[in-house]
Amino acid sequence: MITVHSFELAALIDKRQPLDLIDVRTKQEFQSFHIRGAQSFPLRELSAAKLLQGRKREATEPLYIICNNHIRASLAAGMLTGAGCRQAVVGDGGMESWVRLGLSVVCKRPFWDFPLARFCCELIELFRRPALVTYEPPRAA
């Protein structure tokens, strides 16, 4: 299996290198955030032959595949290789690595709207001395 580090893939994108990048996470995961230029092809719906027929680039060009970590991308790479893809390249570490490294993503909603981000903000406020913000839940009537 061929892999690419997140920084290498980001460098290709930053240089505006023409490339095919597919994201095999679910539609909901893709819609919450994704890499600019990525196309959504959820693994459960992936038709390798159809995807390869629809490619605009030569079959010898790399086809980059990303998911949340790398498991679904590895499965997709196997499917695509079996269908005739010559260079299925998996994003090493997936979106988890991409985000952890601080690389840019396209978000459909503000970052603070994510449950984990809200939880972290609540923890920060909980341990802050003195409390700058207090939250009063609505009172039952």
C-alpha atoms as a PDB file:
ATOM      1  CA  MET A   1       0.000   0.000   0.000  1.00  0.00           C
ATOM      2  CA  ILE A   2       1.304   3.438  -0.954  1.00  0.00           C
ATOM      3  CA  THR A   3       0.861   6.195   1.652  1.00  0.00           C
ATOM      4  CA  VAL A   4       1.439   9.931   1.710  1.00  0.00           C
ATOM      5  CA  HIS A   5       2.100  12.058   4.789  1.00  0.00           C
ATOM      6  CA  SER A   6      -0.374  14.859   5.442  1.00  0.00           C
ATOM      7  CA  PHE A   7       2.302  17.536   4.969  1.00  0.00           C
ATOM      8  CA  GLU A   8       3.233  16.127   1.544  1.00  0.00           C
ATOM      9  CA  LEU A   9      -0.389  16.085   0.412  1.00  0.00           C
ATOM     10  CA  ALA A  10      -0.926  19.605   1.773  1.00  0.00           C
ATOM     11  CA  ALA A  11       2.142  20.795  -0.153  1.00  0.00           C
ATOM     12  CA  LEU A  12       0.717  19.381  -3.406  1.00  0.00           C
ATOM     13  CA  ILE A  13      -2.599  21.127  -2.744  1.00  0.00           C
ATOM     14  CA  ASP A  14      -0.878  24.406  -1.812  1.00  0.00           C
ATOM     15  CA  LYS A  15       1.141  24.303  -5.043  1.00  0.00           C
ATOM     16  CA  ARG A  16      -2.150  23.850  -6.895  1.00  0.00           C
ATOM     17  CA  GLN A  17      -0.909  20.595  -8.372  1.00  0.00           C
ATOM     18  CA  PRO A  18      -3.721  18.923 -10.318  1.00  0.00           C
ATOM     19  CA  LEU A  19      -4.698  15.821  -8.379  1.00  0.00           C
ATOM     20  CA  ASP A  20      -7.603  13.521  -7.607  1.00  0.00           C
ATOM     21  CA  LEU A  21      -8.471  13.357  -3.921  1.00  0.00           C
ATOM     22  CA  ILE A  22     -11.396  11.310  -2.688  1.00  0.00           C
ATOM     23  CA  ASP A  23     -12.763  11.271   0.847  1.00  0.00           C
ATOM     24  CA  VAL A  24     -14.346   7.926   1.748  1.00  0.00           C
ATOM     25  CA  ARG A  25     -15.875   9.044   5.067  1.00  0.00           C
ATOM     26  CA  THR A  26     -19.651   9.243   5.383  1.00  0.00           C
ATOM     27  CA  LYS A  27     -21.513  12.157   3.788  1.00  0.00           C
ATOM     28  CA  GLN A  28     -22.122  13.628   7.258  1.00  0.00           C
ATOM     29  CA  GLU A  29     -18.429  13.472   8.163  1.00  0.00           C
ATOM     30  CA  PHE A  30     -17.489  15.045   4.828  1.00  0.00           C
ATOM     31  CA  GLN A  31     -20.065  17.821   5.174  1.00  0.00           C
ATOM     32  CA  SER A  32     -18.866  18.772   8.655  1.00  0.00           C
ATOM     33  CA  PHE A  33     -15.316  19.391   7.358  1.00  0.00           C
ATOM     34  CA  HIS A  34     -13.062  18.209   4.545  1.00  0.00           C
ATOM     35  CA  ILE A  35      -9.916  19.026   2.601  1.00  0.00           C
ATOM     36  CA  ARG A  36     -10.382  21.676  -0.079  1.00  0.00           C
ATOM     37  CA  GLY A  37     -10.768  20.012  -3.467  1.00  0.00           C
ATOM     38  CA  ALA A  38     -11.686  16.597  -2.075  1.00  0.00           C
ATOM     39  CA  GLN A  39     -14.654  14.756  -3.527  1.00  0.00           C
ATOM     40  CA  SER A  40     -16.964  12.662  -1.362  1.00  0.00           C
ATOM     41  CA  PHE A  41     -17.207   8.957  -2.209  1.00  0.00           C
ATOM     42  CA  PRO A  42     -18.435   7.205   0.971  1.00  0.00           C
ATOM     43  CA  LEU A  43     -16.918   3.732   1.261  1.00  0.00           C
ATOM     44  CA  ARG A  44     -20.321   2.041   1.591  1.00  0.00           C
ATOM     45  CA  GLU A  45     -21.395   3.536  -1.749  1.00  0.00           C
ATOM     46  CA  LEU A  46     -18.049   3.306  -3.544  1.00  0.00           C
ATOM     47  CA  SER A  47     -18.140   1.736  -6.993  1.00  0.00           C
ATOM     48  CA  ALA A  48     -14.461   1.443  -7.903  1.00  0.00           C
ATOM     49  CA  ALA A  49     -15.068   0.747 -11.593  1.00  0.00           C
ATOM     50  CA  LYS A  50     -17.465   3.699 -11.927  1.00  0.00           C
ATOM     51  CA  LEU A  51     -15.083   6.047 -10.125  1.00  0.00           C
ATOM     52  CA  LEU A  52     -12.140   5.018 -12.300  1.00  0.00           C
ATOM     53  CA  GLN A  53     -14.184   5.409 -15.500  1.00  0.00           C
ATOM     54  CA  GLY A  54     -15.142   8.936 -14.443  1.00  0.00           C
ATOM     55  CA  ARG A  55     -11.566  10.064 -13.743  1.00  0.00           C
ATOM     56  CA  LYS A  56     -10.270  12.932 -15.835  1.00  0.00           C
ATOM     57  CA  ARG A  57      -6.610  12.135 -15.159  1.00  0.00           C
ATOM     58  CA  GLU A  58      -4.572   9.325 -16.656  1.00  0.00           C
ATOM     59  CA  ALA A  59      -4.700   5.936 -14.951  1.00  0.00           C
ATOM     60  CA  THR A  60      -0.979   6.286 -14.181  1.00  0.00           C
ATOM     61  CA  GLU A  61      -1.619   9.432 -12.082  1.00  0.00           C
ATOM     62  CA  PRO A  62      -2.012   8.961  -8.308  1.00  0.00           C
ATOM     63  CA  LEU A  63      -5.491   8.787  -6.821  1.00  0.00           C
ATOM     64  CA  TYR A  64      -5.293  10.093  -3.245  1.00  0.00           C
ATOM     65  CA  ILE A  65      -7.698   8.612  -0.704  1.00  0.00           C
ATOM     66  CA  ILE A  66      -8.497  10.009   2.743  1.00  0.00           C
ATOM     67  CA  CYS A  67     -10.780   8.938   5.583  1.00  0.00           C
ATOM     68  CA  ASN A  68     -10.892   9.596   9.318  1.00  0.00           C
ATOM     69  CA  ASN A  69      -7.737   7.658  10.249  1.00  0.00           C
ATOM     70  CA  HIS A  70      -6.668   5.357   7.405  1.00  0.00           C
ATOM     71  CA  ILE A  71      -8.694   2.166   7.737  1.00  0.00           C
ATOM     72  CA  ARG A  72     -11.516   2.973   5.300  1.00  0.00           C
ATOM     73  CA  ALA A  73      -9.026   4.573   2.917  1.00  0.00           C
ATOM     74  CA  SER A  74      -6.960   1.371   2.933  1.00  0.00           C
ATOM     75  CA  LEU A  75     -10.057  -0.678   2.126  1.00  0.00           C
ATOM     76  CA  ALA A  76     -10.947   1.721  -0.686  1.00  0.00           C
ATOM     77  CA  ALA A  77      -7.379   1.517  -2.015  1.00  0.00           C
ATOM     78  CA  GLY A  78      -7.686  -2.266  -2.196  1.00  0.00           C
ATOM     79  CA  MET A  79     -10.988  -1.992  -4.057  1.00  0.00           C
ATOM     80  CA  LEU A  80      -9.595   0.570  -6.488  1.00  0.00           C
ATOM     81  CA  THR A  81      -6.393  -1.388  -7.084  1.00  0.00           C
ATOM     82  CA  GLY A  82      -8.478  -4.481  -7.789  1.00  0.00           C
ATOM     83  CA  ALA A  83     -10.482  -2.465 -10.326  1.00  0.00           C
ATOM     84  CA  GLY A  84      -7.333  -1.361 -12.158  1.00  0.00           C
ATOM     85  CA  CYS A  85      -6.092   1.763 -10.354  1.00  0.00           C
ATOM     86  CA  ARG A  86      -2.295   1.798 -10.643  1.00  0.00           C
ATOM     87  CA  GLN A  87      -1.527   4.339  -7.889  1.00  0.00           C
ATOM     88  CA  ALA A  88      -4.050   4.352  -5.045  1.00  0.00           C
ATOM     89  CA  VAL A  89      -2.356   6.505  -2.387  1.00  0.00           C
ATOM     90  CA  VAL A  90      -3.697   6.534   1.184  1.00  0.00           C
ATOM     91  CA  GLY A  91      -3.415   9.624   3.364  1.00  0.00           C
ATOM     92  CA  ASP A  92      -1.347   8.408   6.317  1.00  0.00           C
ATOM     93  CA  GLY A  93      -3.250   9.122   9.526  1.00  0.00           C
ATOM     94  CA  GLY A  94      -6.282  10.451   7.653  1.00  0.00           C
ATOM     95  CA  MET A  95      -8.257  13.489   8.734  1.00  0.00           C
ATOM     96  CA  GLU A  96      -7.283  12.923  12.366  1.00  0.00           C
ATOM     97  CA  SER A  97      -3.642  13.551  11.458  1.00  0.00           C
ATOM     98  CA  TRP A  98      -4.557  16.370   9.052  1.00  0.00           C
ATOM     99  CA  VAL A  99      -6.442  18.293  11.738  1.00  0.00           C
ATOM    100  CA  ARG A 100      -3.945  17.488  14.498  1.00  0.00           C
ATOM    101  CA  LEU A 101      -1.183  19.004  12.329  1.00  0.00           C
ATOM    102  CA  GLY A 102      -3.236  22.185  11.925  1.00  0.00           C
ATOM    103  CA  LEU A 103      -3.713  21.850   8.166  1.00  0.00           C
ATOM    104  CA  SER A 104      -6.600  23.755   6.621  1.00  0.00           C
ATOM    105  CA  VAL A 105     -10.055  22.317   6.098  1.00  0.00           C
ATOM    106  CA  VAL A 106     -13.321  23.539   4.661  1.00  0.00           C
ATOM    107  CA  CYS A 107     -16.005  23.736   7.347  1.00  0.00           C
ATOM    108  CA  LYS A 108     -19.711  23.964   6.733  1.00  0.00           C
ATOM    109  CA  ARG A 109     -20.331  25.158  10.275  1.00  0.00           C
ATOM    110  CA  PRO A 110     -18.275  27.162  12.749  1.00  0.00           C
ATOM    111  CA  PHE A 111     -15.606  25.219  14.603  1.00  0.00           C
ATOM    112  CA  TRP A 112     -17.240  26.014  17.928  1.00  0.00           C
ATOM    113  CA  ASP A 113     -20.375  24.210  16.800  1.00  0.00           C
ATOM    114  CA  PHE A 114     -18.629  20.832  17.082  1.00  0.00           C
ATOM    115  CA  PRO A 115     -19.555  18.918  20.269  1.00  0.00           C
ATOM    116  CA  LEU A 116     -15.921  18.238  21.235  1.00  0.00           C
ATOM    117  CA  ALA A 117     -15.005  21.915  20.863  1.00  0.00           C
ATOM    118  CA  ARG A 118     -17.978  22.960  23.009  1.00  0.00           C
ATOM    119  CA  PHE A 119     -16.961  20.389  25.628  1.00  0.00           C
ATOM    120  CA  CYS A 120     -13.381  21.721  25.694  1.00  0.00           C
ATOM    121  CA  CYS A 121     -14.629  25.294  26.093  1.00  0.00           C
ATOM    122  CA  GLU A 122     -16.846  24.207  28.970  1.00  0.00           C
ATOM    123  CA  LEU A 123     -13.858  22.508  30.647  1.00  0.00           C
ATOM    124  CA  ILE A 124     -11.745  25.627  30.256  1.00  0.00           C
ATOM    125  CA  GLU A 125     -14.476  27.717  31.822  1.00  0.00           C
ATOM    126  CA  LEU A 126     -14.919  25.194  34.624  1.00  0.00           C
ATOM    127  CA  PHE A 127     -11.275  25.415  35.684  1.00  0.00           C
ATOM    128  CA  ARG A 128     -10.807  29.121  35.071  1.00  0.00           C
ATOM    129  CA  ARG A 129     -10.414  31.196  38.249  1.00  0.00           C
ATOM    130  CA  PRO A 130     -12.401  33.395  38.709  1.00  0.00           C
ATOM    131  CA  ALA A 131     -15.144  32.256  36.405  1.00  0.00           C
ATOM    132  CA  LEU A 132     -15.622  34.796  33.625  1.00  0.00           C
ATOM    133  CA  VAL A 133     -18.777  33.239  32.315  1.00  0.00           C
ATOM    134  CA  THR A 134     -21.466  31.482  34.220  1.00  0.00           C
ATOM    135  CA  TYR A 135     -24.209  29.398  32.773  1.00  0.00           C
ATOM    136  CA  GLU A 136     -27.638  29.221  34.273  1.00  0.00           C
ATOM    137  CA  PRO A 137     -29.841  26.511  32.825  1.00  0.00           C
ATOM    138  CA  PRO A 138     -33.422  27.501  32.075  1.00  0.00           C
ATOM    139  CA  ARG A 139     -35.688  27.020  35.045  1.00  0.00           C
ATOM    140  CA  ALA A 140     -38.531  24.585  34.818  1.00  0.00           C
ATOM    141  CA  ALA A 141     -41.876  26.307  35.073  1.00  0.00           C
END
